[in-house]
Structures are given as C-alpha cells and as structure tokens.
C-alpha cells in the first residue's frame, strides 16, 4: 500500500567501491580517479538515485569515510583500503551526483562527522564497520537527527 512507501532511502556504500575494477571486455584494472572508473561509478550512482526518485523516494546517501586497517592487521587487508584518496574521490563523485539530482538525493556527511569526532577508530574498531554498540551510538548522536532534519527540510515549502 502507498502508506507503507518510505519517504527516504538511506544508502551507504562500502569497501567494494574503493577496490580496483575490471569491466567486461576490458583488460585494464581501474581505480577511483581513473576517468572510466569514475564515469561507471557515477552512472551507477545516478541509476540508483533515479530508481528511488521514480518511486517518489528521496535518497539520503552517506559519505564514505576512509577505510583503515585496524591495529595489527596483517597483509590480507587490501592495500586499496589504506589509500584515503580513493574514499575522497568516491565522495567527490557522490557530490557530483547530488549536484546532478539536487531534488532526489542529499549527501549526509557521515565521513566528515566521524573525522570531527576524533573517535573514528573507536567507533569503527576494524577500520571499516561499526559494531552493534557503536552503530547505535552513531545513530543516537548523529545519524538519527540528520535524517529527521532532512525529512523536515523535504516537507518545508519550496
């Protein structure tokens, strides 16, 4: 029923979008910052936004914090995760998508909030994921209010 349709969809990407990719028919491995990689990621993001927008759902897309190996992590931790420029480029592309679809997507600056807290390592003890307890803490201290504020702004007369 229409009454069960969400007003907002929260989208968060993860480590997969920071790794090198090889597209079908190509022999070249590409990374964030490569024009082909960036265009493909941008097109995928726009497609997701457009999919939700076609249903009248606004996208709240969380910026991606840099991924870091936890203390003592061995060589199995992908090197790509240790390169903060990858997350920075991902967030630049996300900002481009938001500029392309300003009425359909809002970037929630989770990465910036985490950096401002100075507690990113505690909140994401493995360098990537929140624990159940720290996810609750992030929701209570930041994300919940950010989503309420977004909802209020979407309901305000334009």
N, C-alpha and C. Protein backbone atom coordinates (compact mmCIF):
# COMPACT_ATOMS: atom_id res chain seq x y z
N UNK A 1 0.84 -1.19 0.00
CA UNK A 1 0.00 0.00 0.00
C UNK A 1 0.88 1.24 0.00
N UNK A 2 0.38 2.31 -0.57
CA UNK A 2 1.13 3.56 -0.67
C UNK A 2 1.51 4.09 0.70
N UNK A 3 0.70 3.81 1.71
CA UNK A 3 1.01 4.32 3.05
C UNK A 3 2.27 3.67 3.63
N UNK A 4 2.69 2.55 3.06
CA UNK A 4 3.89 1.87 3.54
C UNK A 4 5.14 2.27 2.76
N UNK A 5 4.99 3.13 1.77
CA UNK A 5 6.15 3.54 0.99
C UNK A 5 7.01 4.50 1.79
N UNK A 6 8.31 4.28 1.81
CA UNK A 6 9.19 5.19 2.55
C UNK A 6 9.30 6.53 1.85
N UNK A 7 9.61 7.55 2.63
CA UNK A 7 9.87 8.88 2.09
C UNK A 7 11.35 9.04 1.76
N UNK A 8 12.19 8.33 2.53
CA UNK A 8 13.64 8.44 2.39
C UNK A 8 14.23 7.03 2.35
N UNK A 9 15.22 6.85 1.48
CA UNK A 9 16.02 5.63 1.46
C UNK A 9 17.45 6.02 1.84
N UNK A 10 18.00 5.36 2.84
CA UNK A 10 19.37 5.63 3.26
C UNK A 10 20.28 4.67 2.49
N UNK A 11 21.28 5.23 1.81
CA UNK A 11 22.21 4.43 1.02
C UNK A 11 23.61 4.64 1.57
N UNK A 12 24.30 3.53 1.76
CA UNK A 12 25.71 3.59 2.17
C UNK A 12 26.46 2.55 1.36
N UNK A 13 27.54 2.97 0.76
CA UNK A 13 28.42 2.05 0.04
C UNK A 13 29.52 1.60 0.97
N UNK A 14 30.31 0.70 0.45
CA UNK A 14 31.37 0.20 1.29
C UNK A 14 32.65 -0.06 0.52
N UNK A 15 33.47 -0.93 1.06
CA UNK A 15 34.81 -1.16 0.52
C UNK A 15 34.83 -1.60 -0.94
N UNK A 16 33.82 -2.30 -1.38
CA UNK A 16 33.83 -2.79 -2.75
C UNK A 16 33.99 -1.66 -3.75
N UNK A 17 33.43 -0.50 -3.47
CA UNK A 17 33.51 0.62 -4.40
C UNK A 17 34.86 1.32 -4.39
N UNK A 18 35.76 0.91 -3.52
CA UNK A 18 37.10 1.50 -3.48
C UNK A 18 38.16 0.60 -4.11
N UNK A 19 37.80 -0.62 -4.38
CA UNK A 19 38.76 -1.57 -4.95
C UNK A 19 38.89 -1.34 -6.45
N UNK A 20 39.98 -1.84 -7.00
CA UNK A 20 40.16 -1.80 -8.44
C UNK A 20 39.10 -2.68 -9.10
N UNK A 21 38.63 -2.23 -10.26
CA UNK A 21 37.61 -2.97 -11.00
C UNK A 21 38.09 -3.17 -12.44
N UNK A 22 37.60 -4.26 -13.00
CA UNK A 22 37.84 -4.54 -14.41
C UNK A 22 36.48 -4.77 -15.05
N UNK A 23 36.11 -3.89 -16.00
CA UNK A 23 34.80 -4.00 -16.60
C UNK A 23 34.81 -5.03 -17.73
N UNK A 24 33.66 -5.64 -18.01
CA UNK A 24 33.58 -6.64 -19.08
C UNK A 24 34.14 -6.09 -20.39
N UNK A 25 34.93 -6.92 -21.05
CA UNK A 25 35.51 -6.54 -22.32
C UNK A 25 36.80 -5.74 -22.20
N UNK A 26 37.23 -5.48 -20.99
CA UNK A 26 38.46 -4.71 -20.77
C UNK A 26 39.52 -5.59 -20.12
N UNK A 27 40.76 -5.28 -20.41
CA UNK A 27 41.87 -5.96 -19.73
C UNK A 27 42.48 -5.07 -18.65
N UNK A 28 42.12 -3.80 -18.67
CA UNK A 28 42.69 -2.83 -17.74
C UNK A 28 41.94 -2.84 -16.42
N UNK A 29 42.70 -2.86 -15.32
CA UNK A 29 42.12 -2.69 -13.99
C UNK A 29 42.10 -1.20 -13.70
N UNK A 30 40.97 -0.74 -13.20
CA UNK A 30 40.79 0.70 -12.98
C UNK A 30 40.45 0.97 -11.52
N UNK A 31 40.76 2.17 -11.07
CA UNK A 31 40.56 2.56 -9.68
C UNK A 31 39.91 3.93 -9.62
N UNK A 32 39.38 4.31 -8.46
CA UNK A 32 38.84 5.67 -8.33
C UNK A 32 39.89 6.68 -8.78
N UNK A 33 39.44 7.64 -9.59
CA UNK A 33 40.35 8.62 -10.16
C UNK A 33 40.60 8.36 -11.64
N UNK A 34 40.44 7.12 -12.07
CA UNK A 34 40.53 6.79 -13.49
C UNK A 34 39.23 7.26 -14.13
N UNK A 35 39.29 8.01 -15.24
CA UNK A 35 38.07 8.55 -15.84
C UNK A 35 37.01 7.49 -16.18
N UNK A 36 37.42 6.32 -16.63
CA UNK A 36 36.46 5.27 -16.96
C UNK A 36 35.81 4.74 -15.69
N UNK A 37 36.62 4.51 -14.67
CA UNK A 37 36.10 4.05 -13.38
C UNK A 37 35.11 5.08 -12.83
N UNK A 38 35.53 6.34 -12.83
CA UNK A 38 34.68 7.40 -12.27
C UNK A 38 33.35 7.50 -13.02
N UNK A 39 33.40 7.42 -14.34
CA UNK A 39 32.17 7.51 -15.14
C UNK A 39 31.24 6.34 -14.83
N UNK A 40 31.79 5.15 -14.70
CA UNK A 40 30.96 3.98 -14.38
C UNK A 40 30.34 4.11 -12.99
N UNK A 41 31.14 4.52 -12.01
CA UNK A 41 30.60 4.69 -10.66
C UNK A 41 29.53 5.77 -10.64
N UNK A 42 29.79 6.89 -11.30
CA UNK A 42 28.81 7.98 -11.36
C UNK A 42 27.50 7.49 -12.00
N UNK A 43 27.61 6.77 -13.10
CA UNK A 43 26.42 6.25 -13.77
C UNK A 43 25.64 5.28 -12.88
N UNK A 44 26.34 4.44 -12.15
CA UNK A 44 25.67 3.52 -11.24
C UNK A 44 24.96 4.27 -10.12
N UNK A 45 25.62 5.28 -9.57
CA UNK A 45 25.00 6.07 -8.51
C UNK A 45 23.77 6.81 -9.02
N UNK A 46 23.87 7.43 -10.19
CA UNK A 46 22.73 8.13 -10.77
C UNK A 46 21.59 7.15 -11.00
N UNK A 47 21.91 5.95 -11.46
CA UNK A 47 20.88 4.94 -11.68
C UNK A 47 20.14 4.58 -10.40
N UNK A 48 20.88 4.47 -9.31
CA UNK A 48 20.25 4.16 -8.01
C UNK A 48 19.35 5.31 -7.58
N UNK A 49 19.85 6.52 -7.70
CA UNK A 49 19.05 7.70 -7.32
C UNK A 49 17.79 7.76 -8.18
N UNK A 50 17.94 7.58 -9.47
CA UNK A 50 16.79 7.65 -10.37
C UNK A 50 15.77 6.55 -10.08
N UNK A 51 16.24 5.38 -9.71
CA UNK A 51 15.34 4.28 -9.37
C UNK A 51 14.45 4.66 -8.19
N UNK A 52 15.05 5.21 -7.15
CA UNK A 52 14.27 5.64 -5.99
C UNK A 52 13.39 6.84 -6.32
N UNK A 53 13.95 7.81 -7.04
CA UNK A 53 13.20 9.02 -7.37
C UNK A 53 11.95 8.70 -8.18
N UNK A 54 12.04 7.71 -9.05
CA UNK A 54 10.87 7.32 -9.86
C UNK A 54 9.73 6.81 -8.98
N UNK A 55 10.05 6.40 -7.76
CA UNK A 55 9.04 5.92 -6.83
C UNK A 55 8.68 6.99 -5.80
N UNK A 56 9.22 8.21 -5.98
CA UNK A 56 8.93 9.30 -5.06
C UNK A 56 9.70 9.21 -3.76
N UNK A 57 10.81 8.49 -3.77
CA UNK A 57 11.62 8.30 -2.57
C UNK A 57 12.90 9.13 -2.69
N UNK A 58 13.15 9.96 -1.69
CA UNK A 58 14.37 10.78 -1.66
C UNK A 58 15.51 9.93 -1.10
N UNK A 59 16.69 10.06 -1.68
CA UNK A 59 17.86 9.29 -1.24
C UNK A 59 18.70 10.12 -0.28
N UNK A 60 18.99 9.55 0.87
CA UNK A 60 19.95 10.11 1.81
C UNK A 60 21.19 9.24 1.71
N UNK A 61 22.20 9.73 0.99
CA UNK A 61 23.39 8.92 0.71
C UNK A 61 24.49 9.33 1.67
N UNK A 62 25.01 8.38 2.43
CA UNK A 62 26.04 8.66 3.42
C UNK A 62 27.41 8.76 2.76
N UNK A 63 28.14 9.81 3.07
CA UNK A 63 29.51 9.91 2.54
C UNK A 63 30.33 8.77 3.15
N UNK A 64 31.35 8.37 2.41
CA UNK A 64 32.15 7.20 2.78
C UNK A 64 33.43 7.64 3.48
N UNK A 65 33.58 7.24 4.74
CA UNK A 65 34.82 7.59 5.43
C UNK A 65 35.98 6.76 4.89
N UNK A 66 37.20 7.27 5.02
CA UNK A 66 38.35 6.47 4.61
C UNK A 66 38.35 5.15 5.38
N UNK A 67 38.79 4.11 4.73
CA UNK A 67 38.86 2.81 5.37
C UNK A 67 40.29 2.60 5.83
N UNK A 68 40.43 2.05 7.01
CA UNK A 68 41.75 1.88 7.57
C UNK A 68 41.88 0.48 8.14
N UNK A 69 43.09 -0.05 8.02
CA UNK A 69 43.36 -1.35 8.63
C UNK A 69 43.39 -1.17 10.14
N UNK A 70 42.74 -2.07 10.86
CA UNK A 70 42.82 -1.98 12.32
C UNK A 70 44.24 -2.25 12.79
N UNK A 71 44.58 -1.79 13.99
CA UNK A 71 45.92 -2.03 14.51
C UNK A 71 46.25 -3.52 14.47
N UNK A 72 47.45 -3.83 13.96
CA UNK A 72 47.90 -5.22 13.92
C UNK A 72 47.36 -6.03 12.77
N UNK A 73 46.58 -5.40 11.88
CA UNK A 73 46.01 -6.14 10.74
C UNK A 73 47.13 -6.58 9.81
N UNK A 74 47.07 -7.80 9.41
CA UNK A 74 48.12 -8.38 8.57
C UNK A 74 48.01 -8.00 7.11
N UNK A 75 48.82 -8.62 6.28
CA UNK A 75 48.87 -8.26 4.87
C UNK A 75 47.62 -8.63 4.07
N UNK A 76 46.70 -9.39 4.64
CA UNK A 76 45.47 -9.74 3.94
C UNK A 76 44.52 -8.57 3.79
N UNK A 77 44.74 -7.50 4.53
CA UNK A 77 43.88 -6.32 4.44
C UNK A 77 44.20 -5.63 3.13
N UNK A 78 43.22 -5.46 2.23
CA UNK A 78 43.52 -4.90 0.90
C UNK A 78 44.21 -3.55 0.97
N UNK A 79 45.27 -3.43 0.20
CA UNK A 79 46.01 -2.17 0.15
C UNK A 79 45.13 -1.01 -0.28
N UNK A 80 44.14 -1.28 -1.13
CA UNK A 80 43.26 -0.22 -1.61
C UNK A 80 42.59 0.50 -0.44
N UNK A 81 42.35 -0.21 0.64
CA UNK A 81 41.66 0.40 1.78
C UNK A 81 42.57 1.36 2.53
N UNK A 82 43.86 1.26 2.30
CA UNK A 82 44.81 2.12 3.02
C UNK A 82 45.10 3.40 2.25
N UNK A 83 44.38 3.64 1.18
CA UNK A 83 44.61 4.81 0.35
C UNK A 83 43.43 5.78 0.48
N UNK A 84 43.56 6.79 1.34
CA UNK A 84 42.43 7.69 1.60
C UNK A 84 41.96 8.45 0.36
N UNK A 85 42.83 8.59 -0.66
CA UNK A 85 42.41 9.28 -1.88
C UNK A 85 41.27 8.56 -2.58
N UNK A 86 41.17 7.25 -2.38
CA UNK A 86 40.08 6.50 -3.01
C UNK A 86 38.73 6.93 -2.42
N UNK A 87 38.65 7.00 -1.11
CA UNK A 87 37.40 7.43 -0.47
C UNK A 87 37.12 8.89 -0.79
N UNK A 88 38.16 9.70 -0.84
CA UNK A 88 37.99 11.11 -1.18
C UNK A 88 37.39 11.23 -2.59
N UNK A 89 37.90 10.46 -3.56
CA UNK A 89 37.37 10.53 -4.93
C UNK A 89 35.94 10.01 -4.98
N UNK A 90 35.67 8.94 -4.25
CA UNK A 90 34.29 8.42 -4.18
C UNK A 90 33.35 9.53 -3.72
N UNK A 91 33.72 10.23 -2.68
CA UNK A 91 32.87 11.30 -2.14
C UNK A 91 32.74 12.48 -3.10
N UNK A 92 33.78 12.75 -3.88
CA UNK A 92 33.68 13.79 -4.90
C UNK A 92 32.65 13.39 -5.97
N UNK A 93 32.68 12.13 -6.36
CA UNK A 93 31.70 11.65 -7.35
C UNK A 93 30.30 11.70 -6.75
N UNK A 94 30.16 11.33 -5.50
CA UNK A 94 28.87 11.42 -4.82
C UNK A 94 28.36 12.86 -4.83
N UNK A 95 29.24 13.81 -4.58
CA UNK A 95 28.84 15.23 -4.62
C UNK A 95 28.41 15.64 -6.02
N UNK A 96 29.07 15.11 -7.04
CA UNK A 96 28.68 15.39 -8.42
C UNK A 96 27.27 14.86 -8.69
N UNK A 97 26.99 13.66 -8.21
CA UNK A 97 25.67 13.06 -8.40
C UNK A 97 24.62 13.91 -7.69
N UNK A 98 24.93 14.35 -6.48
CA UNK A 98 23.98 15.20 -5.75
C UNK A 98 23.73 16.51 -6.49
N UNK A 99 24.75 17.05 -7.13
CA UNK A 99 24.57 18.28 -7.91
C UNK A 99 23.74 18.02 -9.17
N UNK A 100 23.86 16.82 -9.71
CA UNK A 100 23.09 16.45 -10.90
C UNK A 100 21.61 16.21 -10.58
N UNK A 101 21.35 15.74 -9.36
CA UNK A 101 19.99 15.37 -8.95
C UNK A 101 19.65 16.01 -7.60
N UNK A 102 19.70 17.34 -7.51
CA UNK A 102 19.54 18.01 -6.21
C UNK A 102 18.19 17.77 -5.54
N UNK A 103 17.16 17.50 -6.31
CA UNK A 103 15.85 17.25 -5.71
C UNK A 103 15.64 15.79 -5.33
N UNK A 104 16.60 14.93 -5.69
CA UNK A 104 16.40 13.50 -5.48
C UNK A 104 17.36 12.88 -4.47
N UNK A 105 18.48 13.55 -4.21
CA UNK A 105 19.47 12.97 -3.30
C UNK A 105 20.10 14.06 -2.44
N UNK A 106 20.33 13.70 -1.19
CA UNK A 106 21.05 14.56 -0.24
C UNK A 106 22.20 13.75 0.33
N UNK A 107 23.38 14.33 0.33
CA UNK A 107 24.54 13.67 0.93
C UNK A 107 24.52 13.95 2.43
N UNK A 108 24.55 12.89 3.21
CA UNK A 108 24.67 13.01 4.67
C UNK A 108 26.16 12.83 4.98
N UNK A 109 26.82 13.86 5.50
CA UNK A 109 28.28 13.83 5.64
C UNK A 109 28.78 12.99 6.82
N UNK A 110 28.54 11.70 6.75
CA UNK A 110 28.99 10.79 7.82
C UNK A 110 30.51 10.81 7.95
N UNK A 111 31.23 10.80 6.83
CA UNK A 111 32.69 10.78 6.89
C UNK A 111 33.22 12.00 7.64
N UNK A 112 32.64 13.15 7.34
CA UNK A 112 33.08 14.38 7.98
C UNK A 112 32.74 14.37 9.47
N UNK A 113 31.57 13.86 9.81
CA UNK A 113 31.19 13.78 11.22
C UNK A 113 32.15 12.86 11.97
N UNK A 114 32.47 11.71 11.38
CA UNK A 114 33.40 10.79 12.03
C UNK A 114 34.76 11.46 12.25
N UNK A 115 35.24 12.17 11.24
CA UNK A 115 36.54 12.85 11.37
C UNK A 115 36.48 13.91 12.47
N UNK A 116 35.36 14.62 12.54
CA UNK A 116 35.22 15.67 13.56
C UNK A 116 35.16 15.12 14.98
N UNK A 117 34.65 13.90 15.14
CA UNK A 117 34.55 13.34 16.49
C UNK A 117 35.91 12.98 17.06
N UNK A 118 36.86 12.67 16.19
CA UNK A 118 38.16 12.19 16.66
C UNK A 118 38.08 10.78 17.22
N UNK A 119 36.94 10.13 17.05
CA UNK A 119 36.74 8.80 17.63
C UNK A 119 36.47 7.74 16.57
N UNK A 120 36.87 8.01 15.35
CA UNK A 120 36.59 7.06 14.27
C UNK A 120 37.14 5.67 14.58
N UNK A 121 38.37 5.60 15.09
CA UNK A 121 38.97 4.29 15.36
C UNK A 121 38.17 3.53 16.43
N UNK A 122 37.67 4.23 17.42
CA UNK A 122 36.86 3.57 18.44
C UNK A 122 35.50 3.16 17.87
N UNK A 123 34.91 4.03 17.04
CA UNK A 123 33.58 3.75 16.51
C UNK A 123 33.60 2.66 15.44
N UNK A 124 34.70 2.56 14.70
CA UNK A 124 34.85 1.50 13.68
C UNK A 124 36.11 0.72 14.02
N UNK A 125 36.02 -0.18 15.00
CA UNK A 125 37.21 -0.82 15.54
C UNK A 125 38.00 -1.64 14.51
N UNK A 126 37.35 -2.12 13.45
CA UNK A 126 38.11 -2.87 12.45
C UNK A 126 38.52 -1.99 11.27
N UNK A 127 38.26 -0.68 11.38
CA UNK A 127 38.64 0.24 10.34
C UNK A 127 37.62 0.37 9.22
N UNK A 128 36.57 -0.45 9.28
CA UNK A 128 35.54 -0.43 8.23
C UNK A 128 34.14 -0.35 8.83
N UNK A 129 33.83 -1.28 9.72
CA UNK A 129 32.45 -1.45 10.20
C UNK A 129 32.25 -0.86 11.60
N UNK A 130 31.01 -0.43 11.84
CA UNK A 130 30.60 -0.11 13.20
C UNK A 130 30.24 -1.42 13.89
N UNK A 131 30.47 -1.48 15.18
CA UNK A 131 29.96 -2.62 15.95
C UNK A 131 28.48 -2.35 16.22
N UNK A 132 27.79 -3.32 16.76
CA UNK A 132 26.37 -3.09 17.07
C UNK A 132 26.23 -1.92 18.05
N UNK A 133 27.08 -1.89 19.06
CA UNK A 133 27.00 -0.81 20.04
C UNK A 133 27.37 0.54 19.45
N UNK A 134 28.45 0.58 18.64
CA UNK A 134 28.84 1.87 18.10
C UNK A 134 27.89 2.34 16.99
N UNK A 135 27.25 1.42 16.28
CA UNK A 135 26.24 1.81 15.29
C UNK A 135 25.08 2.51 16.00
N UNK A 136 24.69 1.96 17.13
CA UNK A 136 23.62 2.58 17.92
C UNK A 136 24.06 3.97 18.39
N UNK A 137 25.29 4.07 18.82
CA UNK A 137 25.83 5.35 19.28
C UNK A 137 25.83 6.39 18.15
N UNK A 138 26.27 5.99 16.97
CA UNK A 138 26.29 6.91 15.82
C UNK A 138 24.87 7.34 15.46
N UNK A 139 23.93 6.40 15.51
CA UNK A 139 22.53 6.74 15.21
C UNK A 139 21.98 7.73 16.22
N UNK A 140 22.30 7.52 17.49
CA UNK A 140 21.78 8.40 18.55
C UNK A 140 22.45 9.76 18.54
N UNK A 141 23.75 9.80 18.26
CA UNK A 141 24.48 11.06 18.35
C UNK A 141 24.46 11.87 17.06
N UNK A 142 24.22 11.22 15.92
CA UNK A 142 24.33 11.96 14.68
C UNK A 142 23.29 11.58 13.62
N UNK A 143 23.31 10.34 13.20
CA UNK A 143 22.56 9.96 12.01
C UNK A 143 21.05 10.13 12.18
N UNK A 144 20.52 9.78 13.33
CA UNK A 144 19.08 9.93 13.55
C UNK A 144 18.63 11.36 13.37
N UNK A 145 19.33 12.30 13.98
CA UNK A 145 18.95 13.71 13.86
C UNK A 145 19.18 14.22 12.44
N UNK A 146 20.25 13.76 11.79
CA UNK A 146 20.50 14.19 10.40
C UNK A 146 19.34 13.77 9.50
N UNK A 147 18.79 12.58 9.72
CA UNK A 147 17.67 12.11 8.90
C UNK A 147 16.38 12.85 9.24
N UNK A 148 16.16 13.14 10.52
CA UNK A 148 14.99 13.93 10.91
C UNK A 148 15.09 15.32 10.27
N UNK A 149 16.27 15.94 10.33
CA UNK A 149 16.46 17.26 9.74
C UNK A 149 16.20 17.23 8.23
N UNK A 150 16.65 16.17 7.57
CA UNK A 150 16.41 16.04 6.14
C UNK A 150 14.91 15.93 5.86
N UNK A 151 14.22 15.11 6.63
CA UNK A 151 12.79 14.93 6.44
C UNK A 151 12.04 16.25 6.62
N UNK A 152 12.41 17.00 7.64
CA UNK A 152 11.78 18.31 7.88
C UNK A 152 12.05 19.24 6.70
N UNK A 153 13.27 19.25 6.19
CA UNK A 153 13.59 20.14 5.08
C UNK A 153 12.84 19.73 3.81
N UNK A 154 12.60 18.45 3.62
CA UNK A 154 11.86 17.99 2.44
C UNK A 154 10.39 18.36 2.52
N UNK A 155 9.87 18.49 3.74
CA UNK A 155 8.46 18.84 3.92
C UNK A 155 8.21 20.34 3.92
N UNK A 156 9.30 21.13 4.04
CA UNK A 156 9.16 22.59 4.07
C UNK A 156 8.75 23.09 2.69
N UNK A 157 7.93 24.12 2.65
CA UNK A 157 7.55 24.68 1.34
C UNK A 157 8.78 25.17 0.60
N UNK A 158 8.78 24.94 -0.70
CA UNK A 158 9.94 25.35 -1.51
C UNK A 158 9.64 26.55 -2.33
